[in-house]
Amino acid sequence: MALAQSITFGGIEIPSAYIRVDRIFGGKREGWNSVVSVYASADAAATCEPLKQFNVPAEYSAIEENPYILLYRAIKGLDEYAEATDC
């Protein structure tokens, strides 16, 4: 599970940046948190350092048990990644 979106990094347009939740932590008491990495491409995610990393939180939901779904929804809720598509 990941997202793709065109971004500008260091003045260079990257047409299909790869946005992936690299780590999650938390649980039902404190909610979920994550380390999200942005890579130049899906191939770069396997061999290169990320262009950018940031944290995204999501509240725990007993209805939605998969934290990845909640976290990717939270990423898409950010203005910067509102145009991201599933890949």
C-alpha atoms as a PDB file:
ATOM      1  CA  MET A   1       0.000   0.000   0.000  1.00  0.00           C
ATOM      2  CA  ALA A   2       1.369   3.404  -0.998  1.00  0.00           C
ATOM      3  CA  LEU A   3       0.410   6.662  -2.672  1.00  0.00           C
ATOM      4  CA  ALA A   4       1.732   8.480  -5.731  1.00  0.00           C
ATOM      5  CA  GLN A   5       1.621  12.170  -6.530  1.00  0.00           C
ATOM      6  CA  SER A   6       3.490  14.808  -8.480  1.00  0.00           C
ATOM      7  CA  ILE A   7       5.597  16.963  -6.137  1.00  0.00           C
ATOM      8  CA  THR A   8       8.270  19.614  -6.385  1.00  0.00           C
ATOM      9  CA  PHE A   9      11.441  18.932  -4.423  1.00  0.00           C
ATOM     10  CA  GLY A  10      14.368  21.333  -4.457  1.00  0.00           C
ATOM     11  CA  GLY A  11      12.902  23.106  -7.481  1.00  0.00           C
ATOM     12  CA  ILE A  12      12.654  19.865  -9.490  1.00  0.00           C
ATOM     13  CA  GLU A  13       9.298  18.437 -10.540  1.00  0.00           C
ATOM     14  CA  ILE A  14       8.950  14.760  -9.616  1.00  0.00           C
ATOM     15  CA  PRO A  15       6.001  13.405 -11.619  1.00  0.00           C
ATOM     16  CA  SER A  16       5.240  10.308  -9.579  1.00  0.00           C
ATOM     17  CA  ALA A  17       6.689  10.557  -6.086  1.00  0.00           C
ATOM     18  CA  TYR A  18       6.116   7.463  -3.944  1.00  0.00           C
ATOM     19  CA  ILE A  19       4.593   8.152  -0.510  1.00  0.00           C
ATOM     20  CA  ARG A  20       4.739   5.264   1.942  1.00  0.00           C
ATOM     21  CA  VAL A  21       4.080   4.623   5.627  1.00  0.00           C
ATOM     22  CA  ASP A  22       7.405   3.175   6.764  1.00  0.00           C
ATOM     23  CA  ARG A  23       6.586   2.655  10.446  1.00  0.00           C
ATOM     24  CA  ILE A  24       3.514   2.686  12.631  1.00  0.00           C
ATOM     25  CA  PHE A  25       3.271   2.755  16.379  1.00  0.00           C
ATOM     26  CA  GLY A  26       0.579   3.264  18.982  1.00  0.00           C
ATOM     27  CA  GLY A  27      -2.654   1.474  19.707  1.00  0.00           C
ATOM     28  CA  LYS A  28      -6.134   1.886  21.070  1.00  0.00           C
ATOM     29  CA  ARG A  29      -5.108   3.915  24.119  1.00  0.00           C
ATOM     30  CA  GLU A  30      -3.101   6.625  22.371  1.00  0.00           C
ATOM     31  CA  GLY A  31      -4.176   6.256  18.727  1.00  0.00           C
ATOM     32  CA  TRP A  32      -1.872   5.580  15.814  1.00  0.00           C
ATOM     33  CA  ASN A  33       1.165   7.509  14.682  1.00  0.00           C
ATOM     34  CA  SER A  34       3.443   6.885  11.744  1.00  0.00           C
ATOM     35  CA  VAL A  35       6.666   7.745   9.989  1.00  0.00           C
ATOM     36  CA  VAL A  36       5.822   8.575   6.375  1.00  0.00           C
ATOM     37  CA  SER A  37       8.549   8.739   3.732  1.00  0.00           C
ATOM     38  CA  VAL A  38       8.439  10.395   0.324  1.00  0.00           C
ATOM     39  CA  TYR A  39      10.676   8.851  -2.348  1.00  0.00           C
ATOM     40  CA  ALA A  40      11.436   9.946  -5.912  1.00  0.00           C
ATOM     41  CA  SER A  41       9.882   6.702  -7.228  1.00  0.00           C
ATOM     42  CA  ALA A  42       8.791   3.242  -6.133  1.00  0.00           C
ATOM     43  CA  ASP A  43      12.147   1.864  -7.286  1.00  0.00           C
ATOM     44  CA  ALA A  44      13.994   4.483  -5.237  1.00  0.00           C
ATOM     45  CA  ALA A  45      12.138   3.352  -2.109  1.00  0.00           C
ATOM     46  CA  ALA A  46      14.108   0.104  -2.174  1.00  0.00           C
ATOM     47  CA  THR A  47      17.561   1.607  -2.647  1.00  0.00           C
ATOM     48  CA  CYS A  48      17.614   5.326  -1.739  1.00  0.00           C
ATOM     49  CA  GLU A  49      17.085   7.563   1.233  1.00  0.00           C
ATOM     50  CA  PRO A  50      13.728   9.354   1.312  1.00  0.00           C
ATOM     51  CA  LEU A  51      13.461  12.901   0.010  1.00  0.00           C
ATOM     52  CA  LYS A  52      11.328  13.813   3.001  1.00  0.00           C
ATOM     53  CA  GLN A  53       9.941  12.224   6.170  1.00  0.00           C
ATOM     54  CA  PHE A  54       7.116  13.356   8.418  1.00  0.00           C
ATOM     55  CA  ASN A  55       4.715  12.006  11.038  1.00  0.00           C
ATOM     56  CA  VAL A  56       0.986  11.552  10.591  1.00  0.00           C
ATOM     57  CA  PRO A  57      -1.338  10.631  13.471  1.00  0.00           C
ATOM     58  CA  ALA A  58      -4.725   8.907  13.245  1.00  0.00           C
ATOM     59  CA  GLU A  59      -7.227   8.188  15.975  1.00  0.00           C
ATOM     60  CA  TYR A  60      -7.844   4.580  16.901  1.00  0.00           C
ATOM     61  CA  SER A  61     -11.115   3.228  15.530  1.00  0.00           C
ATOM     62  CA  ALA A  62     -12.645  -0.007  16.748  1.00  0.00           C
ATOM     63  CA  ILE A  63     -14.668  -0.115  13.536  1.00  0.00           C
ATOM     64  CA  GLU A  64     -11.646   0.162  11.240  1.00  0.00           C
ATOM     65  CA  GLU A  65      -9.101  -2.290  12.644  1.00  0.00           C
ATOM     66  CA  ASN A  66      -6.394  -1.796  10.007  1.00  0.00           C
ATOM     67  CA  PRO A  67      -4.260   1.194  11.054  1.00  0.00           C
ATOM     68  CA  TYR A  68      -2.709   1.504   7.580  1.00  0.00           C
ATOM     69  CA  ILE A  69      -6.075   2.417   6.053  1.00  0.00           C
ATOM     70  CA  LEU A  70      -6.578   5.098   8.709  1.00  0.00           C
ATOM     71  CA  LEU A  71      -3.068   6.495   8.248  1.00  0.00           C
ATOM     72  CA  TYR A  72      -3.242   6.641   4.449  1.00  0.00           C
ATOM     73  CA  ARG A  73      -6.614   8.383   4.749  1.00  0.00           C
ATOM     74  CA  ALA A  74      -4.976  10.888   7.124  1.00  0.00           C
ATOM     75  CA  ILE A  75      -2.150  11.519   4.619  1.00  0.00           C
ATOM     76  CA  LYS A  76      -4.689  12.237   1.868  1.00  0.00           C
ATOM     77  CA  GLY A  77      -6.365  14.645   4.289  1.00  0.00           C
ATOM     78  CA  LEU A  78      -3.263  16.855   4.292  1.00  0.00           C
ATOM     79  CA  ASP A  79      -3.432  19.748   1.810  1.00  0.00           C
ATOM     80  CA  GLU A  80      -0.007  18.867   0.400  1.00  0.00           C
ATOM     81  CA  TYR A  81      -1.094  15.308  -0.465  1.00  0.00           C
ATOM     82  CA  ALA A  82      -4.779  15.834  -1.277  1.00  0.00           C
ATOM     83  CA  GLU A  83      -4.203  14.811  -4.916  1.00  0.00           C
ATOM     84  CA  ALA A  84      -2.377  11.561  -4.040  1.00  0.00           C
ATOM     85  CA  THR A  85      -3.681   8.365  -5.598  1.00  0.00           C
ATOM     86  CA  ASP A  86      -3.400   4.785  -4.413  1.00  0.00           C
ATOM     87  CA  CYS A  87      -0.728   2.694  -6.073  1.00  0.00           C
END
